[in-house]
Each structure stands twice: as structure tokens, then as C-alpha cells.
């Protein structure tokens, strides 16, 4: 059952540095977001947010790239992108599902004790400590982890956090 209609909006433009083929480029980034809320069979509210990133260059990219390629943003976000015909912008290939907490104000470090799951340039998902951001272990595609308590291996942190993936 739909709780409210879908909300669609663009985030403000944000300056960033992106890495393509190991070369850094200055750009501005904008995310297009689609947020929806539904109630599942257990009468729980499920909030879903899909986000597609677009990077815009100040000057046209030197050479048109017809195939998709990996882009690494300076905020640690990796995605497969394609180049627009005008060579001024690149767009993420398909939207990524994200936790609703990502569309709220930025939380404090370790805000809820949930592990951060980040994708590296090879497409592997890794578990990071939410407090010290130490990289811990990879999560295979299709793996489902629920409520796994894990203690950080960083000698200065040692905090316990919860891993939920999949």
C-alpha cells in the first residue's frame, strides 16, 4: 500500500573531484533522487530512495568515451557511468538504492552503530567501522547479513557495531 506519492527532486550542485582512468578532474555533482514510502505486510513503513549522480565538467572532456567506465568521486563513491554526447557531463548508469538516512542531514560519526557499506573501484562491497572508518571485510554480491555484532579491529577504537547487508 502506498503511504504517500513518490517525491522526485535534484540536490544542489556540489563541487567535487572525480577520478577517471587514474586522472583527477574538477567537476560539479548533482544527484537526482526519487523517494517513496510504503507499508509492508507487517505494517512497517518502508522508505526507499533511488539516486542517480550526474557530474558536469567546466570544459568538454578531451575524448568521447563510447563505453561505460568507472568513476571515483572524492567523497568515496564509486559508480559505472557513461558520457553524454556533448562531452560536458557524465551520468551514472543506473540508480543506486540507498538507505533513507542518506537523504537526511549528515549524521554524527557512528550515529546509529550500523556499519558503513561502501563499494570499491572493483565493485566489491566492504564493511567499514562507523566510528573510525576502518575497512574490515568484503561482502559478496547476494550475501545477506542481519544484525551481526562485530568489534572494530582498530586498536584505538574497539567499538562494537552492527552489520546489516543485503
N, C-alpha and C. Protein backbone atom coordinates (compact mmCIF):
# COMPACT_ATOMS: atom_id res chain seq x y z
N UNK A 1 0.84 -1.17 0.00
CA UNK A 1 0.00 0.00 0.00
C UNK A 1 0.89 1.24 0.00
N UNK A 2 0.61 2.19 -0.87
CA UNK A 2 1.39 3.41 -0.98
C UNK A 2 1.00 4.35 0.15
N UNK A 3 1.98 4.82 0.92
CA UNK A 3 1.74 5.71 2.04
C UNK A 3 1.64 7.16 1.58
N UNK A 4 2.52 7.54 0.70
CA UNK A 4 2.49 8.88 0.11
C UNK A 4 3.00 8.78 -1.31
N UNK A 5 2.68 9.76 -2.16
CA UNK A 5 3.17 9.69 -3.54
C UNK A 5 4.69 9.85 -3.59
N UNK A 6 5.26 9.35 -4.68
CA UNK A 6 6.71 9.47 -4.86
C UNK A 6 7.12 10.93 -4.89
N UNK A 7 8.27 11.23 -4.31
CA UNK A 7 8.84 12.57 -4.32
C UNK A 7 10.11 12.51 -5.15
N UNK A 8 10.22 13.42 -6.10
CA UNK A 8 11.36 13.43 -7.01
C UNK A 8 11.99 14.82 -6.95
N UNK A 9 13.32 14.88 -6.78
CA UNK A 9 13.98 16.17 -6.72
C UNK A 9 15.46 16.03 -7.05
N UNK A 10 16.09 17.17 -7.33
CA UNK A 10 17.53 17.23 -7.58
C UNK A 10 18.19 17.92 -6.40
N UNK A 11 19.36 17.42 -6.00
CA UNK A 11 20.12 18.07 -4.94
C UNK A 11 20.83 19.28 -5.52
N UNK A 12 21.27 20.22 -4.66
CA UNK A 12 22.03 21.37 -5.18
C UNK A 12 23.36 20.91 -5.78
N UNK A 13 23.87 21.70 -6.72
CA UNK A 13 25.17 21.39 -7.33
C UNK A 13 26.26 21.48 -6.27
N UNK A 14 27.21 20.53 -6.32
CA UNK A 14 28.28 20.47 -5.32
C UNK A 14 29.61 20.27 -6.04
N UNK A 15 30.59 21.17 -5.82
CA UNK A 15 31.90 20.98 -6.44
C UNK A 15 32.55 19.69 -5.94
N UNK A 16 33.25 19.00 -6.81
CA UNK A 16 33.92 17.76 -6.42
C UNK A 16 35.09 17.49 -7.36
N UNK A 17 35.87 16.51 -6.99
CA UNK A 17 36.95 16.00 -7.83
C UNK A 17 36.60 14.55 -8.14
N UNK A 18 36.71 14.17 -9.40
CA UNK A 18 36.44 12.78 -9.76
C UNK A 18 37.66 12.20 -10.46
N UNK A 19 37.79 10.89 -10.31
CA UNK A 19 38.92 10.19 -10.91
C UNK A 19 38.39 9.27 -12.00
N UNK A 20 38.92 9.46 -13.21
CA UNK A 20 38.59 8.60 -14.35
C UNK A 20 39.91 8.13 -14.93
N UNK A 21 40.10 6.83 -15.02
CA UNK A 21 41.35 6.26 -15.53
C UNK A 21 42.57 6.83 -14.80
N UNK A 22 42.46 6.92 -13.47
CA UNK A 22 43.54 7.40 -12.60
C UNK A 22 43.92 8.86 -12.81
N UNK A 23 43.08 9.66 -13.46
CA UNK A 23 43.32 11.08 -13.65
C UNK A 23 42.21 11.86 -12.94
N UNK A 24 42.59 12.88 -12.15
CA UNK A 24 41.63 13.70 -11.42
C UNK A 24 41.09 14.83 -12.29
N UNK A 25 39.77 15.08 -12.19
CA UNK A 25 39.12 16.15 -12.92
C UNK A 25 38.25 16.93 -11.95
N UNK A 26 38.18 18.25 -12.14
CA UNK A 26 37.26 19.08 -11.37
C UNK A 26 35.90 19.03 -12.04
N UNK A 27 34.86 18.94 -11.23
CA UNK A 27 33.50 18.87 -11.77
C UNK A 27 32.54 19.37 -10.70
N UNK A 28 31.27 19.48 -11.06
CA UNK A 28 30.21 19.69 -10.08
C UNK A 28 29.30 18.47 -10.17
N UNK A 29 28.81 18.05 -9.02
CA UNK A 29 27.99 16.84 -8.94
C UNK A 29 26.58 17.21 -8.51
N UNK A 30 25.60 16.53 -9.11
CA UNK A 30 24.21 16.69 -8.71
C UNK A 30 23.57 15.32 -8.68
N UNK A 31 22.74 15.07 -7.66
CA UNK A 31 22.03 13.80 -7.58
C UNK A 31 20.56 14.02 -7.87
N UNK A 32 20.00 13.13 -8.66
CA UNK A 32 18.56 13.10 -8.91
C UNK A 32 18.00 12.01 -8.01
N UNK A 33 17.07 12.34 -7.13
CA UNK A 33 16.57 11.37 -6.15
C UNK A 33 15.07 11.15 -6.31
N UNK A 34 14.67 9.91 -6.10
CA UNK A 34 13.27 9.51 -6.10
C UNK A 34 13.03 8.80 -4.78
N UNK A 35 12.15 9.34 -3.95
CA UNK A 35 11.87 8.78 -2.63
C UNK A 35 10.41 8.34 -2.59
N UNK A 36 10.18 7.14 -2.06
CA UNK A 36 8.82 6.64 -1.91
C UNK A 36 8.68 5.95 -0.55
N UNK A 37 7.47 5.94 -0.04
CA UNK A 37 7.19 5.26 1.22
C UNK A 37 6.01 4.32 1.01
N UNK A 38 6.14 3.14 1.57
CA UNK A 38 5.08 2.14 1.50
C UNK A 38 4.95 1.47 2.86
N UNK A 39 3.85 0.78 3.07
CA UNK A 39 3.67 -0.02 4.28
C UNK A 39 3.69 -1.48 3.85
N UNK A 40 4.55 -2.28 4.51
CA UNK A 40 4.64 -3.69 4.15
C UNK A 40 3.56 -4.50 4.88
N UNK A 41 3.56 -5.81 4.70
CA UNK A 41 2.52 -6.67 5.28
C UNK A 41 2.57 -6.68 6.81
N UNK A 42 3.72 -6.32 7.39
CA UNK A 42 3.85 -6.27 8.85
C UNK A 42 3.52 -4.89 9.40
N UNK A 43 2.93 -4.04 8.55
CA UNK A 43 2.55 -2.68 8.91
C UNK A 43 3.74 -1.82 9.32
N UNK A 44 4.86 -2.08 8.70
CA UNK A 44 6.05 -1.27 8.92
C UNK A 44 6.21 -0.33 7.74
N UNK A 45 6.67 0.88 8.02
CA UNK A 45 6.89 1.86 6.95
C UNK A 45 8.24 1.57 6.29
N UNK A 46 8.22 1.38 5.00
CA UNK A 46 9.41 1.12 4.21
C UNK A 46 9.68 2.37 3.36
N UNK A 47 10.82 3.00 3.58
CA UNK A 47 11.20 4.17 2.80
C UNK A 47 12.28 3.76 1.82
N UNK A 48 12.09 4.09 0.57
CA UNK A 48 13.01 3.70 -0.49
C UNK A 48 13.50 4.95 -1.21
N UNK A 49 14.80 5.05 -1.40
CA UNK A 49 15.36 6.19 -2.12
C UNK A 49 16.28 5.69 -3.22
N UNK A 50 16.03 6.11 -4.45
CA UNK A 50 16.90 5.79 -5.57
C UNK A 50 17.59 7.07 -5.99
N UNK A 51 18.89 6.98 -6.23
CA UNK A 51 19.68 8.16 -6.56
C UNK A 51 20.52 7.91 -7.81
N UNK A 52 20.56 8.90 -8.71
CA UNK A 52 21.40 8.83 -9.89
C UNK A 52 22.27 10.08 -9.90
N UNK A 53 23.58 9.89 -9.98
CA UNK A 53 24.50 11.02 -9.97
C UNK A 53 24.82 11.49 -11.39
N UNK A 54 25.03 12.80 -11.49
CA UNK A 54 25.46 13.41 -12.74
C UNK A 54 26.64 14.33 -12.41
N UNK A 55 27.72 14.20 -13.16
CA UNK A 55 28.91 15.03 -12.99
C UNK A 55 29.03 15.95 -14.20
N UNK A 56 29.24 17.23 -13.97
CA UNK A 56 29.31 18.20 -15.06
C UNK A 56 30.69 18.86 -15.03
N UNK A 57 31.36 18.88 -16.19
CA UNK A 57 32.69 19.49 -16.32
C UNK A 57 32.55 20.95 -16.73
N UNK A 58 33.61 21.75 -16.44
CA UNK A 58 33.63 23.14 -16.88
C UNK A 58 33.88 23.24 -18.38
N UNK A 59 34.73 22.36 -18.89
CA UNK A 59 35.04 22.33 -20.32
C UNK A 59 34.78 20.93 -20.85
N UNK A 60 34.50 20.78 -22.14
CA UNK A 60 34.24 19.43 -22.68
C UNK A 60 35.41 18.48 -22.43
N UNK A 61 35.08 17.23 -22.16
CA UNK A 61 36.07 16.18 -21.95
C UNK A 61 36.86 16.03 -23.26
N UNK A 62 38.16 15.78 -23.17
CA UNK A 62 39.03 15.76 -24.34
C UNK A 62 38.58 14.77 -25.41
N UNK A 63 38.24 13.54 -24.99
CA UNK A 63 37.89 12.49 -25.96
C UNK A 63 36.57 11.86 -25.53
N UNK A 64 35.67 11.65 -26.50
CA UNK A 64 34.41 10.98 -26.19
C UNK A 64 34.66 9.51 -25.87
N UNK A 65 34.07 9.02 -24.77
CA UNK A 65 34.22 7.61 -24.38
C UNK A 65 32.88 6.92 -24.67
N UNK A 66 32.81 6.07 -25.70
CA UNK A 66 31.54 5.44 -26.05
C UNK A 66 31.12 4.32 -25.09
N UNK A 67 32.07 3.70 -24.39
CA UNK A 67 31.73 2.61 -23.48
C UNK A 67 31.59 3.14 -22.05
N UNK A 68 30.96 2.37 -21.18
CA UNK A 68 30.83 2.77 -19.79
C UNK A 68 32.18 2.65 -19.09
N UNK A 69 32.34 3.41 -18.01
CA UNK A 69 33.62 3.43 -17.30
C UNK A 69 33.38 3.73 -15.82
N UNK A 70 34.38 3.38 -14.99
CA UNK A 70 34.28 3.58 -13.55
C UNK A 70 34.68 5.01 -13.19
N UNK A 71 33.90 5.63 -12.29
CA UNK A 71 34.18 6.97 -11.80
C UNK A 71 34.28 6.90 -10.28
N UNK A 72 35.33 7.50 -9.74
CA UNK A 72 35.50 7.59 -8.28
C UNK A 72 35.40 9.05 -7.89
N UNK A 73 34.45 9.36 -7.01
CA UNK A 73 34.27 10.73 -6.53
C UNK A 73 35.10 10.93 -5.26
N UNK A 74 35.45 12.18 -4.95
CA UNK A 74 36.27 12.43 -3.77
C UNK A 74 35.54 12.16 -2.45
N UNK A 75 34.23 11.89 -2.50
CA UNK A 75 33.51 11.51 -1.28
C UNK A 75 33.52 10.00 -1.06
N UNK A 76 34.32 9.27 -1.87
CA UNK A 76 34.46 7.82 -1.71
C UNK A 76 33.44 7.00 -2.47
N UNK A 77 32.61 7.63 -3.28
CA UNK A 77 31.55 6.95 -4.02
C UNK A 77 32.09 6.48 -5.37
N UNK A 78 31.87 5.22 -5.71
CA UNK A 78 32.27 4.64 -6.99
C UNK A 78 31.01 4.30 -7.78
N UNK A 79 31.04 4.52 -9.09
CA UNK A 79 29.90 4.12 -9.91
C UNK A 79 30.33 3.96 -11.36
N UNK A 80 29.54 3.15 -12.08
CA UNK A 80 29.73 2.99 -13.52
C UNK A 80 28.93 4.10 -14.19
N UNK A 81 29.58 4.81 -15.11
CA UNK A 81 28.94 5.96 -15.75
C UNK A 81 29.10 5.87 -17.27
N UNK A 82 28.34 6.71 -17.95
CA UNK A 82 28.51 6.87 -19.40
C UNK A 82 28.59 8.36 -19.69
N UNK A 83 29.20 8.71 -20.81
CA UNK A 83 29.40 10.11 -21.17
C UNK A 83 28.28 10.58 -22.08
N UNK A 84 27.81 11.80 -21.84
CA UNK A 84 26.78 12.36 -22.72
C UNK A 84 27.42 12.80 -24.04
N UNK A 85 26.61 12.99 -25.05
CA UNK A 85 27.11 13.32 -26.39
C UNK A 85 27.89 14.63 -26.43
N UNK A 86 27.55 15.59 -25.54
CA UNK A 86 28.22 16.88 -25.59
C UNK A 86 29.59 16.87 -24.89
N UNK A 87 29.97 15.75 -24.26
CA UNK A 87 31.24 15.56 -23.55
C UNK A 87 31.39 16.51 -22.37
N UNK A 88 30.30 17.18 -21.95
CA UNK A 88 30.35 18.08 -20.79
C UNK A 88 29.88 17.40 -19.52
N UNK A 89 29.23 16.26 -19.64
CA UNK A 89 28.72 15.61 -18.43
C UNK A 89 28.78 14.10 -18.56
N UNK A 90 28.85 13.46 -17.40
CA UNK A 90 28.77 12.00 -17.33
C UNK A 90 27.68 11.66 -16.32
N UNK A 91 26.98 10.56 -16.59
CA UNK A 91 25.81 10.19 -15.79
C UNK A 91 25.95 8.75 -15.34
N UNK A 92 25.55 8.51 -14.10
CA UNK A 92 25.59 7.17 -13.55
C UNK A 92 24.65 6.27 -14.36
N UNK A 93 25.08 5.02 -14.61
CA UNK A 93 24.33 4.13 -15.49
C UNK A 93 22.96 3.77 -14.96
N UNK A 94 22.87 3.42 -13.70
CA UNK A 94 21.56 3.13 -13.14
C UNK A 94 21.56 3.58 -11.71
N UNK A 95 20.40 3.91 -11.22
CA UNK A 95 20.29 4.42 -9.86
C UNK A 95 20.71 3.41 -8.83
N UNK A 96 21.18 3.89 -7.71
CA UNK A 96 21.56 3.02 -6.61
C UNK A 96 20.51 3.14 -5.52
N UNK A 97 20.19 2.03 -4.91
CA UNK A 97 19.28 2.05 -3.78
C UNK A 97 20.07 2.55 -2.59
N UNK A 98 19.46 3.39 -1.81
CA UNK A 98 20.16 3.89 -0.64
C UNK A 98 19.24 3.93 0.56
N UNK A 99 19.83 3.89 1.70
CA UNK A 99 19.15 3.97 2.97
C UNK A 99 18.57 5.38 3.12
N UNK A 100 17.38 5.52 3.72
CA UNK A 100 16.75 6.82 3.86
C UNK A 100 17.62 7.80 4.65
N UNK A 101 18.47 7.28 5.54
CA UNK A 101 19.32 8.16 6.34
C UNK A 101 20.24 8.99 5.45
N UNK A 102 20.50 8.53 4.21
CA UNK A 102 21.38 9.26 3.31
C UNK A 102 20.75 10.55 2.78
N UNK A 103 19.42 10.69 2.84
CA UNK A 103 18.78 11.89 2.33
C UNK A 103 18.43 12.86 3.45
N UNK A 104 18.83 12.54 4.66
CA UNK A 104 18.60 13.42 5.81
C UNK A 104 19.88 14.22 6.07
N UNK A 105 19.87 15.07 7.08
CA UNK A 105 21.07 15.81 7.44
C UNK A 105 22.18 14.83 7.77
N UNK A 106 23.44 15.19 7.47
CA UNK A 106 24.53 14.26 7.75
C UNK A 106 24.59 13.91 9.24
N UNK A 107 24.67 12.61 9.56
CA UNK A 107 24.71 12.20 10.96
C UNK A 107 26.10 12.36 11.55
N UNK A 108 26.16 12.30 12.87
CA UNK A 108 27.45 12.30 13.54
C UNK A 108 28.10 10.95 13.29
N UNK A 109 29.44 10.88 13.46
CA UNK A 109 30.14 9.62 13.28
C UNK A 109 29.55 8.55 14.19
N UNK A 110 29.28 7.36 13.64
CA UNK A 110 28.75 6.25 14.42
C UNK A 110 27.35 6.52 14.93
N UNK A 111 26.56 7.30 14.21
CA UNK A 111 25.28 7.80 14.69
C UNK A 111 24.32 6.72 15.17
N UNK A 112 24.32 5.56 14.56
CA UNK A 112 23.37 4.53 14.99
C UNK A 112 24.04 3.17 15.20
N UNK A 113 25.35 3.14 15.17
CA UNK A 113 26.06 1.89 15.41
C UNK A 113 25.99 0.91 14.25
N UNK A 114 25.50 1.36 13.09
CA UNK A 114 25.41 0.50 11.91
C UNK A 114 26.69 0.63 11.09
N UNK A 115 27.19 -0.47 10.60
CA UNK A 115 28.39 -0.45 9.76
C UNK A 115 28.12 0.31 8.48
N UNK A 116 29.14 0.98 7.97
CA UNK A 116 29.06 1.61 6.65
C UNK A 116 29.43 0.56 5.62
N UNK A 117 28.64 0.44 4.56
CA UNK A 117 28.94 -0.49 3.47
C UNK A 117 29.28 0.37 2.26
N UNK A 118 30.52 0.25 1.77
CA UNK A 118 30.96 1.05 0.63
C UNK A 118 31.44 0.13 -0.48
N UNK A 119 31.29 0.61 -1.73
CA UNK A 119 31.70 -0.16 -2.90
C UNK A 119 33.03 0.40 -3.39
N UNK A 120 34.01 -0.48 -3.59
CA UNK A 120 35.32 -0.02 -4.07
C UNK A 120 35.33 0.04 -5.59
N UNK A 121 36.46 0.43 -6.16
CA UNK A 121 36.54 0.62 -7.62
C UNK A 121 36.39 -0.68 -8.40
N UNK A 122 36.58 -1.82 -7.74
CA UNK A 122 36.41 -3.11 -8.41
C UNK A 122 34.98 -3.63 -8.28
N UNK A 123 34.11 -2.86 -7.64
CA UNK A 123 32.72 -3.26 -7.48
C UNK A 123 32.47 -4.14 -6.26
N UNK A 124 33.48 -4.34 -5.40
CA UNK A 124 33.30 -5.14 -4.18
C UNK A 124 32.74 -4.26 -3.07
N UNK A 125 31.81 -4.83 -2.28
CA UNK A 125 31.26 -4.13 -1.12
C UNK A 125 32.14 -4.44 0.09
N UNK A 126 32.48 -3.41 0.88
CA UNK A 126 33.30 -3.58 2.06
C UNK A 126 32.59 -3.00 3.27
N UNK A 127 32.81 -3.64 4.43
CA UNK A 127 32.24 -3.18 5.70
C UNK A 127 33.27 -2.27 6.37
N UNK A 128 32.81 -1.07 6.78
CA UNK A 128 33.65 -0.10 7.47
C UNK A 128 33.07 0.21 8.85
N UNK A 129 33.94 0.46 9.82
CA UNK A 129 33.51 0.87 11.16
C UNK A 129 32.85 2.25 11.05
N UNK A 130 31.67 2.46 11.66
CA UNK A 130 31.01 3.76 11.55
C UNK A 130 31.69 4.86 12.37
N UNK A 131 32.57 4.49 13.31
CA UNK A 131 33.23 5.50 14.13
C UNK A 131 34.60 5.89 13.59
N UNK A 132 35.47 4.93 13.33
CA UNK A 132 36.83 5.26 12.90
C UNK A 132 37.04 5.05 11.40
N UNK A 133 36.06 4.45 10.72
CA UNK A 133 36.07 4.22 9.27
C UNK A 133 37.14 3.24 8.80
N UNK A 134 37.54 2.32 9.68
CA UNK A 134 38.49 1.28 9.30
C UNK A 134 37.78 0.26 8.41
N UNK A 135 38.43 -0.14 7.32
CA UNK A 135 37.91 -1.14 6.38
C UNK A 135 38.11 -2.52 7.01
N UNK A 136 37.02 -3.33 7.07
CA UNK A 136 37.11 -4.61 7.76
C UNK A 136 37.06 -5.83 6.85
N UNK A 137 35.95 -6.11 6.20
CA UNK A 137 35.86 -7.31 5.38
C UNK A 137 34.91 -7.09 4.21
N UNK A 138 35.11 -7.86 3.12
CA UNK A 138 34.23 -7.72 1.95
C UNK A 138 32.94 -8.50 2.14
N UNK A 139 31.90 -8.04 1.43
CA UNK A 139 30.61 -8.73 1.42
C UNK A 139 30.33 -9.14 -0.02
N UNK A 140 30.19 -10.43 -0.26
CA UNK A 140 29.92 -10.92 -1.61
C UNK A 140 28.56 -10.47 -2.11
N UNK A 141 28.44 -10.31 -3.43
CA UNK A 141 27.14 -9.97 -4.01
C UNK A 141 26.16 -11.09 -3.70
N UNK A 142 24.97 -10.73 -3.30
CA UNK A 142 23.95 -11.72 -2.97
C UNK A 142 23.99 -12.17 -1.53
N UNK A 143 25.06 -11.84 -0.79
CA UNK A 143 25.15 -12.24 0.62
C UNK A 143 24.19 -11.40 1.45
N UNK A 144 23.57 -12.02 2.42
CA UNK A 144 22.65 -11.33 3.32
C UNK A 144 23.17 -11.47 4.75
N UNK A 145 23.39 -10.34 5.40
CA UNK A 145 23.86 -10.32 6.78
C UNK A 145 22.87 -9.50 7.59
N UNK A 146 22.37 -10.07 8.68
CA UNK A 146 21.41 -9.38 9.52
C UNK A 146 21.89 -9.37 10.97
N UNK A 147 21.97 -8.19 11.55
CA UNK A 147 22.25 -8.00 12.98
C UNK A 147 23.52 -8.69 13.45
N UNK A 148 24.57 -8.68 12.64
CA UNK A 148 25.84 -9.25 13.03
C UNK A 148 26.59 -8.23 13.88
N UNK A 149 26.84 -8.56 15.15
CA UNK A 149 27.63 -7.67 16.00
C UNK A 149 29.09 -7.94 15.73
N UNK A 150 29.85 -6.87 15.50
CA UNK A 150 31.25 -7.00 15.12
C UNK A 150 32.05 -5.95 15.89
N UNK A 151 33.19 -6.36 16.43
CA UNK A 151 34.03 -5.42 17.15
C UNK A 151 35.13 -4.91 16.23
N UNK A 152 35.31 -3.60 16.22
CA UNK A 152 36.32 -2.97 15.38
C UNK A 152 37.70 -3.48 15.77
N UNK A 153 38.54 -3.74 14.75
CA UNK A 153 39.90 -4.23 14.99
C UNK A 153 40.91 -3.10 15.17
N UNK A 154 40.48 -1.86 14.99
CA UNK A 154 41.37 -0.72 15.18
C UNK A 154 41.72 -0.63 16.67
N UNK A 155 43.02 -0.64 17.00
CA UNK A 155 43.45 -0.68 18.40
C UNK A 155 43.01 0.55 19.19
N UNK A 156 42.73 1.66 18.52
CA UNK A 156 42.29 2.87 19.22
C UNK A 156 40.77 2.99 19.28
N UNK A 157 40.04 2.14 18.59
CA UNK A 157 38.58 2.23 18.54
C UNK A 157 37.92 1.11 19.38
N UNK A 158 37.99 -0.12 18.90
CA UNK A 158 37.46 -1.31 19.59
C UNK A 158 35.96 -1.24 19.89
N UNK A 159 35.23 -0.35 19.21
CA UNK A 159 33.79 -0.25 19.46
C UNK A 159 33.05 -1.36 18.72
N UNK A 160 31.92 -1.73 19.26
CA UNK A 160 31.08 -2.77 18.65
C UNK A 160 30.03 -2.08 17.78
N UNK A 161 29.86 -2.61 16.56
CA UNK A 161 28.85 -2.08 15.66
C UNK A 161 28.07 -3.24 15.04
N UNK A 162 26.97 -2.92 14.39
CA UNK A 162 26.09 -3.93 13.80
C UNK A 162 26.21 -3.88 12.29
N UNK A 163 26.34 -5.07 11.68
CA UNK A 163 26.44 -5.18 10.21
C UNK A 163 25.12 -5.71 9.68
N UNK A 164 24.52 -4.97 8.76
CA UNK A 164 23.32 -5.40 8.04
C UNK A 164 23.61 -5.15 6.56
N UNK A 165 23.68 -6.19 5.78
CA UNK A 165 23.96 -6.05 4.34
C UNK A 165 23.09 -7.02 3.56
N UNK A 166 22.65 -6.56 2.42
CA UNK A 166 21.88 -7.43 1.54
C UNK A 166 20.47 -7.23 1.74
